[in-house]
Structure formats: C-alpha cells, structure tokens
PDB file of N, CA and C in Angstrom:
ATOM      1  N   GLN A   1    -255.150-138.624 -66.107  1.00  0.00           N
ATOM      2  CA  GLN A   1    -253.588-138.449 -66.449  1.00  0.00           C
ATOM      3  C   GLN A   1    -253.858-137.594 -68.116  1.00  0.00           C
ATOM      4  N   VAL A   2    -252.691-136.848 -68.124  1.00  0.00           N
ATOM      5  CA  VAL A   2    -252.340-136.341 -69.215  1.00  0.00           C
ATOM      6  C   VAL A   2    -251.338-136.850 -70.175  1.00  0.00           C
ATOM      7  N   GLN A   3    -251.851-136.891 -71.323  1.00  0.00           N
ATOM      8  CA  GLN A   3    -250.853-137.712 -72.326  1.00  0.00           C
ATOM      9  C   GLN A   3    -250.600-136.645 -73.403  1.00  0.00           C
ATOM     10  N   LEU A   4    -249.105-136.464 -73.620  1.00  0.00           N
ATOM     11  CA  LEU A   4    -248.617-135.804 -74.854  1.00  0.00           C
ATOM     12  C   LEU A   4    -248.457-136.727 -75.788  1.00  0.00           C
ATOM     13  N   VAL A   5    -248.886-136.077 -76.990  1.00  0.00           N
ATOM     14  CA  VAL A   5    -248.448-137.079 -78.248  1.00  0.00           C
ATOM     15  C   VAL A   5    -247.739-136.181 -79.181  1.00  0.00           C
ATOM     16  N   GLU A   6    -246.571-136.498 -79.656  1.00  0.00           N
ATOM     17  CA  GLU A   6    -245.981-135.607 -80.520  1.00  0.00           C
ATOM     18  C   GLU A   6    -245.808-136.095 -81.940  1.00  0.00           C
ATOM     19  N   SER A   7    -245.886-135.465 -82.892  1.00  0.00           N
ATOM     20  CA  SER A   7    -245.643-135.647 -84.351  1.00  0.00           C
ATOM     21  C   SER A   7    -244.681-134.907 -85.252  1.00  0.00           C
ATOM     22  N   GLY A   8    -244.375-135.133 -86.286  1.00  0.00           N
ATOM     23  CA  GLY A   8    -243.716-134.110 -87.286  1.00  0.00           C
ATOM     24  C   GLY A   8    -242.208-134.620 -87.634  1.00  0.00           C
ATOM     25  N   GLY A   9    -241.714-135.311 -86.555  1.00  0.00           N
ATOM     26  CA  GLY A   9    -240.186-135.539 -86.840  1.00  0.00           C
ATOM     27  C   GLY A   9    -240.011-136.770 -88.019  1.00  0.00           C
ATOM     28  N   GLY A  10    -238.617-136.483 -88.292  1.00  0.00           N
ATOM     29  CA  GLY A  10    -238.210-137.272 -89.745  1.00  0.00           C
ATOM     30  C   GLY A  10    -237.009-136.750 -90.114  1.00  0.00           C
ATOM     31  N   LEU A  11    -236.672-137.176 -91.293  1.00  0.00           N
ATOM     32  CA  LEU A  11    -235.303-137.204 -92.202  1.00  0.00           C
ATOM     33  C   LEU A  11    -235.466-135.700 -92.712  1.00  0.00           C
ATOM     34  N   VAL A  12    -234.392-134.899 -92.714  1.00  0.00           N
ATOM     35  CA  VAL A  12    -234.460-133.591 -93.741  1.00  0.00           C
ATOM     36  C   VAL A  12    -232.847-133.095 -93.984  1.00  0.00           C
ATOM     37  N   GLN A  13    -232.859-132.876 -95.014  1.00  0.00           N
ATOM     38  CA  GLN A  13    -231.398-132.401 -95.532  1.00  0.00           C
ATOM     39  C   GLN A  13    -231.191-131.005 -94.940  1.00  0.00           C
ATOM     40  N   ALA A  14    -229.707-130.561 -94.785  1.00  0.00           N
ATOM     41  CA  ALA A  14    -229.430-129.439 -94.215  1.00  0.00           C
ATOM     42  C   ALA A  14    -230.210-128.289 -94.825  1.00  0.00           C
ATOM     43  N   GLY A  15    -230.380-127.009 -94.185  1.00  0.00           N
ATOM     44  CA  GLY A  15    -231.051-125.993 -94.659  1.00  0.00           C
ATOM     45  C   GLY A  15    -232.677-126.252 -95.286  1.00  0.00           C
ATOM     46  N   GLY A  16    -233.345-127.303 -94.966  1.00  0.00           N
ATOM     47  CA  GLY A  16    -234.566-127.644 -94.925  1.00  0.00           C
ATOM     48  C   GLY A  16    -235.189-127.319 -93.723  1.00  0.00           C
ATOM     49  N   SER A  17    -236.704-127.637 -93.387  1.00  0.00           N
ATOM     50  CA  SER A  17    -237.587-127.513 -92.519  1.00  0.00           C
ATOM     51  C   SER A  17    -238.549-128.838 -91.945  1.00  0.00           C
ATOM     52  N   LEU A  18    -238.867-128.375 -90.496  1.00  0.00           N
ATOM     53  CA  LEU A  18    -239.725-129.412 -90.343  1.00  0.00           C
ATOM     54  C   LEU A  18    -240.370-128.434 -89.010  1.00  0.00           C
ATOM     55  N   GLY A  19    -241.605-129.220 -89.118  1.00  0.00           N
ATOM     56  CA  GLY A  19    -242.706-128.663 -88.166  1.00  0.00           C
ATOM     57  C   GLY A  19    -242.974-130.045 -87.063  1.00  0.00           C
ATOM     58  N   LEU A  20    -243.171-129.592 -85.893  1.00  0.00           N
ATOM     59  CA  LEU A  20    -243.457-130.510 -84.857  1.00  0.00           C
ATOM     60  C   LEU A  20    -244.364-129.975 -84.214  1.00  0.00           C
ATOM     61  N   SER A  21    -245.706-131.439 -83.659  1.00  0.00           N
ATOM     62  CA  SER A  21    -246.426-130.784 -82.785  1.00  0.00           C
ATOM     63  C   SER A  21    -246.331-131.651 -81.713  1.00  0.00           C
ATOM     64  N   CYS A  22    -247.500-130.829 -80.637  1.00  0.00           N
ATOM     65  CA  CYS A  22    -247.975-132.013 -79.567  1.00  0.00           C
ATOM     66  C   CYS A  22    -248.965-131.336 -79.027  1.00  0.00           C
ATOM     67  N   ALA A  23    -249.811-132.429 -78.798  1.00  0.00           N
ATOM     68  CA  ALA A  23    -251.380-132.829 -78.492  1.00  0.00           C
ATOM     69  C   ALA A  23    -251.352-133.045 -77.158  1.00  0.00           C
ATOM     70  N   ALA A  24    -251.908-132.597 -76.057  1.00  0.00           N
ATOM     71  CA  ALA A  24    -251.981-132.883 -74.863  1.00  0.00           C
ATOM     72  C   ALA A  24    -253.663-133.164 -75.030  1.00  0.00           C
ATOM     73  N   SER A  25    -253.980-134.436 -74.018  1.00  0.00           N
ATOM     74  CA  SER A  25    -255.079-134.622 -73.640  1.00  0.00           C
ATOM     75  C   SER A  25    -255.200-135.673 -72.596  1.00  0.00           C
ATOM     76  N   GLY A  26    -256.676-135.804 -72.314  1.00  0.00           N
ATOM     77  CA  GLY A  26    -256.676-136.347 -70.584  1.00  0.00           C
ATOM     78  C   GLY A  26    -257.304-135.111 -70.033  1.00  0.00           C
ATOM     79  N   ASN A  27    -256.734-135.190 -68.700  1.00  0.00           N
ATOM     80  CA  ASN A  27    -257.060-134.253 -67.396  1.00  0.00           C
ATOM     81  C   ASN A  27    -256.255-132.962 -67.566  1.00  0.00           C
ATOM     82  N   ILE A  28    -256.595-132.260 -68.950  1.00  0.00           N
ATOM     83  CA  ILE A  28    -256.153-130.994 -68.868  1.00  0.00           C
ATOM     84  C   ILE A  28    -256.617-129.523 -68.180  1.00  0.00           C
ATOM     85  N   PHE A  29    -256.144-129.369 -67.293  1.00  0.00           N
ATOM     86  CA  PHE A  29    -256.102-128.557 -66.556  1.00  0.00           C
ATOM     87  C   PHE A  29    -255.022-127.315 -66.116  1.00  0.00           C
ATOM     88  N   SER A  30    -255.263-125.849 -65.967  1.00  0.00           N
ATOM     89  CA  SER A  30    -254.404-125.188 -65.749  1.00  0.00           C
ATOM     90  C   SER A  30    -252.674-125.145 -66.273  1.00  0.00           C
ATOM     91  N   ILE A  31    -252.789-125.590 -67.683  1.00  0.00           N
ATOM     92  CA  ILE A  31    -251.619-125.771 -68.100  1.00  0.00           C
ATOM     93  C   ILE A  31    -250.843-124.092 -68.146  1.00  0.00           C
ATOM     94  N   ASN A  32    -249.757-124.211 -67.971  1.00  0.00           N
ATOM     95  CA  ASN A  32    -248.608-122.568 -67.687  1.00  0.00           C
ATOM     96  C   ASN A  32    -247.846-122.971 -68.827  1.00  0.00           C
ATOM     97  N   ALA A  33    -247.032-123.136 -68.530  1.00  0.00           N
ATOM     98  CA  ALA A  33    -245.769-122.970 -69.754  1.00  0.00           C
ATOM     99  C   ALA A  33    -245.450-124.512 -70.790  1.00  0.00           C
ATOM    100  N   MET A  34    -245.490-124.300 -71.960  1.00  0.00           N
ATOM    101  CA  MET A  34    -245.118-125.551 -72.625  1.00  0.00           C
ATOM    102  C   MET A  34    -243.823-125.643 -73.468  1.00  0.00           C
ATOM    103  N   GLY A  35    -243.384-126.360 -73.962  1.00  0.00           N
ATOM    104  CA  GLY A  35    -242.042-126.159 -74.177  1.00  0.00           C
ATOM    105  C   GLY A  35    -241.352-127.461 -75.125  1.00  0.00           C
ATOM    106  N   TRP A  36    -240.392-127.299 -75.769  1.00  0.00           N
ATOM    107  CA  TRP A  36    -239.374-128.492 -76.524  1.00  0.00           C
ATOM    108  C   TRP A  36    -238.114-128.621 -76.224  1.00  0.00           C
ATOM    109  N   TYR A  37    -237.881-129.555 -75.556  1.00  0.00           N
ATOM    110  CA  TYR A  37    -236.398-130.301 -74.981  1.00  0.00           C
ATOM    111  C   TYR A  37    -235.824-131.118 -76.430  1.00  0.00           C
ATOM    112  N   ARG A  38    -234.456-131.245 -76.227  1.00  0.00           N
ATOM    113  CA  ARG A  38    -233.945-132.397 -76.953  1.00  0.00           C
ATOM    114  C   ARG A  38    -232.713-132.987 -76.476  1.00  0.00           C
ATOM    115  N   GLN A  39    -232.457-134.066 -77.168  1.00  0.00           N
ATOM    116  CA  GLN A  39    -231.367-134.735 -76.498  1.00  0.00           C
ATOM    117  C   GLN A  39    -230.788-135.326 -77.637  1.00  0.00           C
ATOM    118  N   ALA A  40    -229.490-135.230 -77.827  1.00  0.00           N
ATOM    119  CA  ALA A  40    -228.632-135.710 -78.735  1.00  0.00           C
ATOM    120  C   ALA A  40    -228.025-137.097 -78.328  1.00  0.00           C
ATOM    121  N   PRO A  41    -227.230-138.278 -78.888  1.00  0.00           N
ATOM    122  CA  PRO A  41    -226.417-139.170 -78.388  1.00  0.00           C
ATOM    123  C   PRO A  41    -225.419-138.860 -77.793  1.00  0.00           C
ATOM    124  N   GLY A  42    -225.286-139.022 -76.569  1.00  0.00           N
ATOM    125  CA  GLY A  42    -224.223-138.654 -75.713  1.00  0.00           C
ATOM    126  C   GLY A  42    -223.715-137.114 -74.931  1.00  0.00           C
ATOM    127  N   LYS A  43    -225.438-136.719 -74.784  1.00  0.00           N
ATOM    128  CA  LYS A  43    -225.591-135.298 -74.630  1.00  0.00           C
ATOM    129  C   LYS A  43    -226.885-135.320 -73.695  1.00  0.00           C
ATOM    130  N   GLN A  44    -226.952-134.254 -72.470  1.00  0.00           N
ATOM    131  CA  GLN A  44    -227.590-134.292 -71.687  1.00  0.00           C
ATOM    132  C   GLN A  44    -228.984-133.501 -73.084  1.00  0.00           C
ATOM    133  N   ARG A  45    -230.193-133.694 -72.179  1.00  0.00           N
ATOM    134  CA  ARG A  45    -231.515-132.935 -72.681  1.00  0.00           C
ATOM    135  C   ARG A  45    -231.149-131.920 -72.365  1.00  0.00           C
ATOM    136  N   GLU A  46    -231.486-130.872 -73.379  1.00  0.00           N
ATOM    137  CA  GLU A  46    -231.670-129.440 -73.071  1.00  0.00           C
ATOM    138  C   GLU A  46    -233.244-128.856 -73.646  1.00  0.00           C
ATOM    139  N   LEU A  47    -233.274-127.429 -73.202  1.00  0.00           N
ATOM    140  CA  LEU A  47    -234.391-126.592 -73.388  1.00  0.00           C
ATOM    141  C   LEU A  47    -234.108-126.189 -74.805  1.00  0.00           C
ATOM    142  N   VAL A  48    -234.966-126.214 -75.608  1.00  0.00           N
ATOM    143  CA  VAL A  48    -234.841-125.875 -76.913  1.00  0.00           C
ATOM    144  C   VAL A  48    -235.517-124.616 -76.981  1.00  0.00           C
ATOM    145  N   ALA A  49    -237.045-124.245 -76.923  1.00  0.00           N
ATOM    146  CA  ALA A  49    -237.886-123.073 -76.724  1.00  0.00           C
ATOM    147  C   ALA A  49    -239.048-123.395 -75.766  1.00  0.00           C
ATOM    148  N   ALA A  50    -239.383-122.425 -74.694  1.00  0.00           N
ATOM    149  CA  ALA A  50    -240.647-122.169 -74.440  1.00  0.00           C
ATOM    150  C   ALA A  50    -241.330-121.735 -74.729  1.00  0.00           C
ATOM    151  N   ILE A  51    -242.650-121.354 -74.002  1.00  0.00           N
ATOM    152  CA  ILE A  51    -243.632-120.278 -74.245  1.00  0.00           C
ATOM    153  C   ILE A  51    -244.675-120.193 -72.924  1.00  0.00           C
ATOM    154  N   THR A  52    -245.138-119.135 -72.954  1.00  0.00           N
ATOM    155  CA  THR A  52    -246.030-118.685 -71.736  1.00  0.00           C
ATOM    156  C   THR A  52    -247.233-119.071 -72.006  1.00  0.00           C
ATOM    157  N   PRO A  53    -248.241-119.073 -71.045  1.00  0.00           N
ATOM    158  CA  PRO A  53    -250.021-118.701 -71.671  1.00  0.00           C
ATOM    159  C   PRO A  53    -249.927-117.448 -72.409  1.00  0.00           C
ATOM    160  N   GLY A  54    -249.148-116.269 -72.157  1.00  0.00           N
ATOM    161  CA  GLY A  54    -249.615-114.941 -72.807  1.00  0.00           C
ATOM    162  C   GLY A  54    -248.680-115.010 -74.135  1.00  0.00           C
ATOM    163  N   GLY A  55    -248.133-116.268 -74.441  1.00  0.00           N
ATOM    164  CA  GLY A  55    -247.334-115.909 -75.828  1.00  0.00           C
ATOM    165  C   GLY A  55    -245.971-115.517 -75.812  1.00  0.00           C
ATOM    166  N   SER A  56    -245.294-115.391 -74.145  1.00  0.00           N
ATOM    167  CA  SER A  56    -244.041-114.874 -74.167  1.00  0.00           C
ATOM    168  C   SER A  56    -243.096-115.803 -74.508  1.00  0.00           C
ATOM    169  N   THR A  57    -241.771-116.075 -75.367  1.00  0.00           N
ATOM    170  CA  THR A  57    -240.702-117.214 -75.719  1.00  0.00           C
ATOM    171  C   THR A  57    -239.443-117.096 -75.219  1.00  0.00           C
ATOM    172  N   ASN A  58    -238.961-118.205 -75.369  1.00  0.00           N
ATOM    173  CA  ASN A  58    -237.563-118.128 -74.859  1.00  0.00           C
ATOM    174  C   ASN A  58    -236.866-119.182 -75.647  1.00  0.00           C
ATOM    175  N   TYR A  59    -235.685-119.027 -76.286  1.00  0.00           N
ATOM    176  CA  TYR A  59    -234.934-120.054 -76.967  1.00  0.00           C
ATOM    177  C   TYR A  59    -233.595-120.184 -76.501  1.00  0.00           C
ATOM    178  N   ALA A  60    -233.094-121.079 -76.922  1.00  0.00           N
ATOM    179  CA  ALA A  60    -231.843-121.203 -76.724  1.00  0.00           C
ATOM    180  C   ALA A  60    -231.058-120.992 -78.077  1.00  0.00           C
ATOM    181  N   ASP A  61    -230.155-120.225 -77.252  1.00  0.00           N
ATOM    182  CA  ASP A  61    -229.247-119.579 -78.433  1.00  0.00           C
ATOM    183  C   ASP A  61    -228.690-120.145 -79.851  1.00  0.00           C
ATOM    184  N   SER A  62    -228.852-121.565 -80.058  1.00  0.00           N
ATOM    185  CA  SER A  62    -228.421-122.225 -80.503  1.00  0.00           C
ATOM    186  C   SER A  62    -229.238-122.262 -81.696  1.00  0.00           C
ATOM    187  N   VAL A  63    -230.711-121.869 -81.350  1.00  0.00           N
ATOM    188  CA  VAL A  63    -231.947-122.037 -82.192  1.00  0.00           C
ATOM    189  C   VAL A  63    -232.336-120.689 -82.556  1.00  0.00           C
ATOM    190  N   LYS A  64    -232.147-119.661 -82.304  1.00  0.00           N
ATOM    191  CA  LYS A  64    -232.591-118.241 -82.146  1.00  0.00           C
ATOM    192  C   LYS A  64    -232.503-117.714 -83.689  1.00  0.00           C
ATOM    193  N   GLY A  65    -233.848-117.310 -84.165  1.00  0.00           N
ATOM    194  CA  GLY A  65    -233.509-116.769 -85.235  1.00  0.00           C
ATOM    195  C   GLY A  65    -233.893-117.996 -86.407  1.00  0.00           C
ATOM    196  N   ARG A  66    -234.115-119.256 -85.964  1.00  0.00           N
ATOM    197  CA  ARG A  66    -234.203-120.348 -86.632  1.00  0.00           C
ATOM    198  C   ARG A  66    -235.462-120.960 -86.818  1.00  0.00           C
ATOM    199  N   PHE A  67    -235.542-121.155 -85.351  1.00  0.00           N
ATOM    200  CA  PHE A  67    -236.704-122.108 -84.815  1.00  0.00           C
ATOM    201  C   PHE A  67    -238.141-121.041 -84.173  1.00  0.00           C
ATOM    202  N   THR A  68    -239.109-121.642 -84.183  1.00  0.00           N
ATOM    203  CA  THR A  68    -240.348-120.515 -84.005  1.00  0.00           C
ATOM    204  C   THR A  68    -241.290-121.767 -82.859  1.00  0.00           C
ATOM    205  N   ILE A  69    -241.741-121.302 -81.858  1.00  0.00           N
ATOM    206  CA  ILE A  69    -242.457-122.016 -80.708  1.00  0.00           C
ATOM    207  C   ILE A  69    -243.854-121.386 -80.746  1.00  0.00           C
ATOM    208  N   SER A  70    -244.562-121.936 -81.040  1.00  0.00           N
ATOM    209  CA  SER A  70    -246.287-121.603 -80.669  1.00  0.00           C
ATOM    210  C   SER A  70    -247.223-122.550 -80.135  1.00  0.00           C
ATOM    211  N   ARG A  71    -248.392-121.893 -79.910  1.00  0.00           N
ATOM    212  CA  ARG A  71    -249.319-122.631 -78.985  1.00  0.00           C
ATOM    213  C   ARG A  71    -250.419-122.179 -79.435  1.00  0.00           C
ATOM    214  N   ASP A  72    -251.610-123.313 -79.399  1.00  0.00           N
ATOM    215  CA  ASP A  72    -252.939-122.933 -79.490  1.00  0.00           C
ATOM    216  C   ASP A  72    -253.622-123.320 -78.321  1.00  0.00           C
ATOM    217  N   ASN A  73    -253.991-122.425 -77.531  1.00  0.00           N
ATOM    218  CA  ASN A  73    -254.671-122.798 -76.344  1.00  0.00           C
ATOM    219  C   ASN A  73    -256.068-123.751 -76.202  1.00  0.00           C
ATOM    220  N   ALA A  74    -257.036-123.197 -77.651  1.00  0.00           N
ATOM    221  CA  ALA A  74    -258.020-124.158 -77.792  1.00  0.00           C
ATOM    222  C   ALA A  74    -257.963-125.264 -78.005  1.00  0.00           C
ATOM    223  N   LYS A  75    -256.829-125.904 -78.518  1.00  0.00           N
ATOM    224  CA  LYS A  75    -256.251-127.184 -79.129  1.00  0.00           C
ATOM    225  C   LYS A  75    -255.524-127.898 -78.142  1.00  0.00           C
ATOM    226  N   ASN A  76    -254.963-126.893 -76.743  1.00  0.00           N
ATOM    227  CA  ASN A  76    -254.444-128.334 -76.167  1.00  0.00           C
ATOM    228  C   ASN A  76    -252.787-128.642 -77.003  1.00  0.00           C
ATOM    229  N   THR A  77    -252.394-127.679 -77.656  1.00  0.00           N
ATOM    230  CA  THR A  77    -251.432-127.774 -78.692  1.00  0.00           C
ATOM    231  C   THR A  77    -250.048-126.977 -78.355  1.00  0.00           C
ATOM    232  N   VAL A  78    -248.679-127.298 -78.613  1.00  0.00           N
ATOM    233  CA  VAL A  78    -248.011-126.486 -78.947  1.00  0.00           C
ATOM    234  C   VAL A  78    -247.099-126.750 -80.216  1.00  0.00           C
ATOM    235  N   TYR A  79    -246.495-126.188 -80.604  1.00  0.00           N
ATOM    236  CA  TYR A  79    -245.547-125.974 -82.119  1.00  0.00           C
ATOM    237  C   TYR A  79    -243.971-125.622 -82.059  1.00  0.00           C
ATOM    238  N   LEU A  80    -243.398-126.436 -83.090  1.00  0.00           N
ATOM    239  CA  LEU A  80    -242.128-125.983 -83.174  1.00  0.00           C
ATOM    240  C   LEU A  80    -241.890-125.976 -84.490  1.00  0.00           C
ATOM    241  N   GLN A  81    -241.926-124.779 -85.316  1.00  0.00           N
ATOM    242  CA  GLN A  81    -241.535-124.623 -86.613  1.00  0.00           C
ATOM    243  C   GLN A  81    -240.108-124.592 -86.647  1.00  0.00           C
ATOM    244  N   MET A  82    -238.913-125.612 -87.305  1.00  0.00           N
ATOM    245  CA  MET A  82    -237.644-125.566 -87.483  1.00  0.00           C
ATOM    246  C   MET A  82    -237.202-125.111 -88.739  1.00  0.00           C
ATOM    247  N   ASN A  83    -236.392-124.110 -89.269  1.00  0.00           N
ATOM    248  CA  ASN A  83    -236.193-123.888 -90.367  1.00  0.00           C
ATOM    249  C   ASN A  83    -234.882-123.795 -90.113  1.00  0.00           C
ATOM    250  N   SER A  84    -233.742-123.879 -91.689  1.00  0.00           N
ATOM    251  CA  SER A  84    -232.701-123.659 -91.857  1.00  0.00           C
ATOM    252  C   SER A  84    -231.616-124.755 -90.713  1.00  0.00           C
ATOM    253  N   LEU A  85    -232.193-125.818 -90.772  1.00  0.00           N
ATOM    254  CA  LEU A  85    -231.847-127.022 -90.244  1.00  0.00           C
ATOM    255  C   LEU A  85    -230.685-127.321 -90.623  1.00  0.00           C
ATOM    256  N   LYS A  86    -229.740-127.711 -89.598  1.00  0.00           N
ATOM    257  CA  LYS A  86    -228.367-128.024 -89.462  1.00  0.00           C
ATOM    258  C   LYS A  86    -228.087-129.158 -88.701  1.00  0.00           C
ATOM    259  N   PRO A  87    -227.274-130.204 -89.103  1.00  0.00           N
ATOM    260  CA  PRO A  87    -227.211-131.166 -88.653  1.00  0.00           C
ATOM    261  C   PRO A  87    -226.910-131.660 -87.418  1.00  0.00           C
ATOM    262  N   GLU A  88    -226.391-130.473 -86.423  1.00  0.00           N
ATOM    263  CA  GLU A  88    -226.308-130.760 -85.097  1.00  0.00           C
ATOM    264  C   GLU A  88    -227.716-130.299 -84.312  1.00  0.00           C
ATOM    265  N   ASP A  89    -228.649-129.913 -85.401  1.00  0.00           N
ATOM    266  CA  ASP A  89    -230.340-130.058 -84.677  1.00  0.00           C
ATOM    267  C   ASP A  89    -230.358-131.616 -84.769  1.00  0.00           C
ATOM    268  N   THR A  90    -229.720-132.670 -84.873  1.00  0.00           N
ATOM    269  CA  THR A  90    -230.333-134.057 -84.731  1.00  0.00           C
ATOM    270  C   THR A  90    -229.938-134.279 -83.581  1.00  0.00           C
ATOM    271  N   ALA A  91    -231.706-134.808 -82.787  1.00  0.00           N
ATOM    272  CA  ALA A  91    -231.786-135.305 -81.840  1.00  0.00           C
ATOM    273  C   ALA A  91    -233.508-135.888 -81.827  1.00  0.00           C
ATOM    274  N   VAL A  92    -233.303-136.372 -80.461  1.00  0.00           N
ATOM    275  CA  VAL A  92    -234.993-136.564 -80.456  1.00  0.00           C
ATOM    276  C   VAL A  92    -235.445-135.301 -79.674  1.00  0.00           C
ATOM    277  N   TYR A  93    -236.624-135.008 -80.091  1.00  0.00           N
ATOM    278  CA  TYR A  93    -237.157-134.016 -79.376  1.00  0.00           C
ATOM    279  C   TYR A  93    -238.372-134.267 -78.859  1.00  0.00           C
ATOM    280  N   TYR A  94    -238.422-133.380 -77.529  1.00  0.00           N
ATOM    281  CA  TYR A  94    -239.518-133.845 -76.398  1.00  0.00           C
ATOM    282  C   TYR A  94    -240.130-132.921 -75.730  1.00  0.00           C
ATOM    283  N   CYS A  95    -241.348-132.906 -76.250  1.00  0.00           N
ATOM    284  CA  CYS A  95    -242.210-131.937 -75.698  1.00  0.00           C
ATOM    285  C   CYS A  95    -242.621-131.999 -74.052  1.00  0.00           C
ATOM    286  N   ASN A  96    -243.019-130.829 -73.613  1.00  0.00           N
ATOM    287  CA  ASN A  96    -243.114-130.778 -72.215  1.00  0.00           C
ATOM    288  C   ASN A  96    -244.194-129.665 -71.754  1.00  0.00           C
ATOM    289  N   VAL A  97    -244.810-129.796 -70.649  1.00  0.00           N
ATOM    290  CA  VAL A  97    -246.108-129.071 -70.518  1.00  0.00           C
ATOM    291  C   VAL A  97    -245.764-128.977 -68.709  1.00  0.00           C
ATOM    292  N   GLN A  98    -245.886-127.798 -68.401  1.00  0.00           N
ATOM    293  CA  GLN A  98    -246.309-127.359 -67.020  1.00  0.00           C
ATOM    294  C   GLN A  98    -247.052-126.863 -66.811  1.00  0.00           C
ATOM    295  N   PHE A  99    -247.829-127.409 -65.153  1.00  0.00           N
ATOM    296  CA  PHE A  99    -248.781-127.301 -65.277  1.00  0.00           C
ATOM    297  C   PHE A  99    -248.707-125.956 -63.844  1.00  0.00           C
ATOM    298  N   LEU A 100    -249.746-125.371 -63.536  1.00  0.00           N
ATOM    299  CA  LEU A 100    -249.870-124.369 -62.195  1.00  0.00           C
ATOM    300  C   LEU A 100    -249.479-124.927 -60.939  1.00  0.00           C
ATOM    301  N   SER A 101    -249.506-126.078 -61.194  1.00  0.00           N
ATOM    302  CA  SER A 101    -249.244-127.243 -59.781  1.00  0.00           C
ATOM    303  C   SER A 101    -247.903-127.328 -59.922  1.00  0.00           C
ATOM    304  N   GLY A 102    -246.979-127.019 -60.776  1.00  0.00           N
ATOM    305  CA  GLY A 102    -245.683-127.872 -60.604  1.00  0.00           C
ATOM    306  C   GLY A 102    -245.435-128.989 -61.402  1.00  0.00           C
ATOM    307  N   TYR A 103    -246.679-129.358 -61.839  1.00  0.00           N
ATOM    308  CA  TYR A 103    -246.712-131.206 -62.175  1.00  0.00           C
ATOM    309  C   TYR A 103    -246.416-130.747 -63.701  1.00  0.00           C
ATOM    310  N   ASN A 104    -245.320-131.643 -63.940  1.00  0.00           N
ATOM    311  CA  ASN A 104    -244.817-131.523 -65.755  1.00  0.00           C
ATOM    312  C   ASN A 104    -244.975-133.180 -66.413  1.00  0.00           C
ATOM    313  N   SER A 105    -245.522-133.064 -67.527  1.00  0.00           N
ATOM    314  CA  SER A 105    -245.941-134.284 -68.538  1.00  0.00           C
ATOM    315  C   SER A 105    -244.703-133.658 -69.528  1.00  0.00           C
ATOM    316  N   TRP A 106    -244.841-134.966 -70.088  1.00  0.00           N
ATOM    317  CA  TRP A 106    -243.522-135.363 -71.215  1.00  0.00           C
ATOM    318  C   TRP A 106    -244.316-136.069 -72.460  1.00  0.00           C
ATOM    319  N   GLY A 107    -244.061-135.962 -73.720  1.00  0.00           N
ATOM    320  CA  GLY A 107    -244.221-136.133 -74.771  1.00  0.00           C
ATOM    321  C   GLY A 107    -243.171-137.841 -75.014  1.00  0.00           C
ATOM    322  N   GLN A 108    -243.576-138.671 -76.206  1.00  0.00           N
ATOM    323  CA  GLN A 108    -243.204-139.592 -75.990  1.00  0.00           C
ATOM    324  C   GLN A 108    -241.388-139.830 -76.935  1.00  0.00           C
ATOM    325  N   GLY A 109    -241.319-138.399 -77.389  1.00  0.00           N
ATOM    326  CA  GLY A 109    -240.006-137.992 -78.552  1.00  0.00           C
ATOM    327  C   GLY A 109    -240.308-138.285 -79.545  1.00  0.00           C
ATOM    328  N   THR A 110    -239.901-137.545 -80.467  1.00  0.00           N
ATOM    329  CA  THR A 110    -239.991-137.394 -82.171  1.00  0.00           C
ATOM    330  C   THR A 110    -238.383-137.460 -82.656  1.00  0.00           C
ATOM    331  N   GLN A 111    -237.732-138.390 -83.251  1.00  0.00           N
ATOM    332  CA  GLN A 111    -236.582-138.373 -83.693  1.00  0.00           C
ATOM    333  C   GLN A 111    -236.406-137.433 -84.916  1.00  0.00           C
ATOM    334  N   VAL A 112    -235.633-136.279 -84.834  1.00  0.00           N
ATOM    335  CA  VAL A 112    -235.565-135.154 -85.844  1.00  0.00           C
ATOM    336  C   VAL A 112    -234.004-135.446 -86.241  1.00  0.00           C
ATOM    337  N   THR A 113    -233.691-135.936 -87.581  1.00  0.00           N
ATOM    338  CA  THR A 113    -232.284-136.074 -88.096  1.00  0.00           C
ATOM    339  C   THR A 113    -232.088-135.210 -89.914  1.00  0.00           C
ATOM    340  N   VAL A 114    -231.074-134.485 -89.569  1.00  0.00           N
ATOM    341  CA  VAL A 114    -230.572-133.584 -90.390  1.00  0.00           C
ATOM    342  C   VAL A 114    -229.357-134.141 -90.871  1.00  0.00           C
ATOM    343  N   SER A 115    -229.550-134.240 -92.558  1.00  0.00           N
ATOM    344  CA  SER A 115    -227.918-134.700 -92.912  1.00  0.00           C
ATOM    345  C   SER A 115    -227.972-133.530 -93.526  1.00  0.00           C
ATOM    346  N   SER A 116    -226.028-133.796 -94.122  1.00  0.00           N
ATOM    347  CA  SER A 116    -225.169-132.470 -94.516  1.00  0.00           C
ATOM    348  C   SER A 116    -225.230-133.000 -96.170  1.00  0.00           C
TER     349      SER A 116
END
C-alpha cells in the first residue's frame, strides 16, 4: 500500500508564505501526476495545482502567480510553495498522487489558516 504523509501546514498572516510537502512511501510504482487539493469549511474539495512527471503544471485561477508546485521524483515527494497568502486560502490541503493504472492515493490533510 502507498502512504502519503503531508507536512508544512500552520497559521500565517495574510501576505505570508508557507511550504507544504508530501512524501510517498510503500509500494511506489508508476507514479503519474501529483497534485494538491484543498477543502474549506462548507465548500467542495477543489484542485489547487497539479504537476506531471515531465514538469508540466496546472493551477487554479485563484492561486496562479502565488503558488508553485514542484516534485522530486527521486524522493517521491511533491511540494507546494504558497506565497502572498490570503484569508480565502484557508483550508485543509490534501496531497494526491495518481498512478498510471488509474489508482489514486491521498494524504491525511494538513490545515492551512491565513489570518487577516
């Protein structure tokens, strides 16, 4: 089985920065895309950013220019650098890993709170 362990969440003031990381362990085979989702209270989970094995990225319009997703394939790790944070970025952030088989694995979620 694959385990995804997230770290880096916390409380930050508006305009500040946080960096999230998600490390995969276990039976790691054929990882395809990796990404980050978030879910705020009362809202549906949404895709924040995704990255392909070749480094192609996709971002939600709300975070473009502020967030950067990256990955280290050798470490089976995906990162999300969040700059210029806004209160509306407050949510639980979940790491997601897609495999070539179509299987998906999810992290446990980490809370990001941005105060104004």
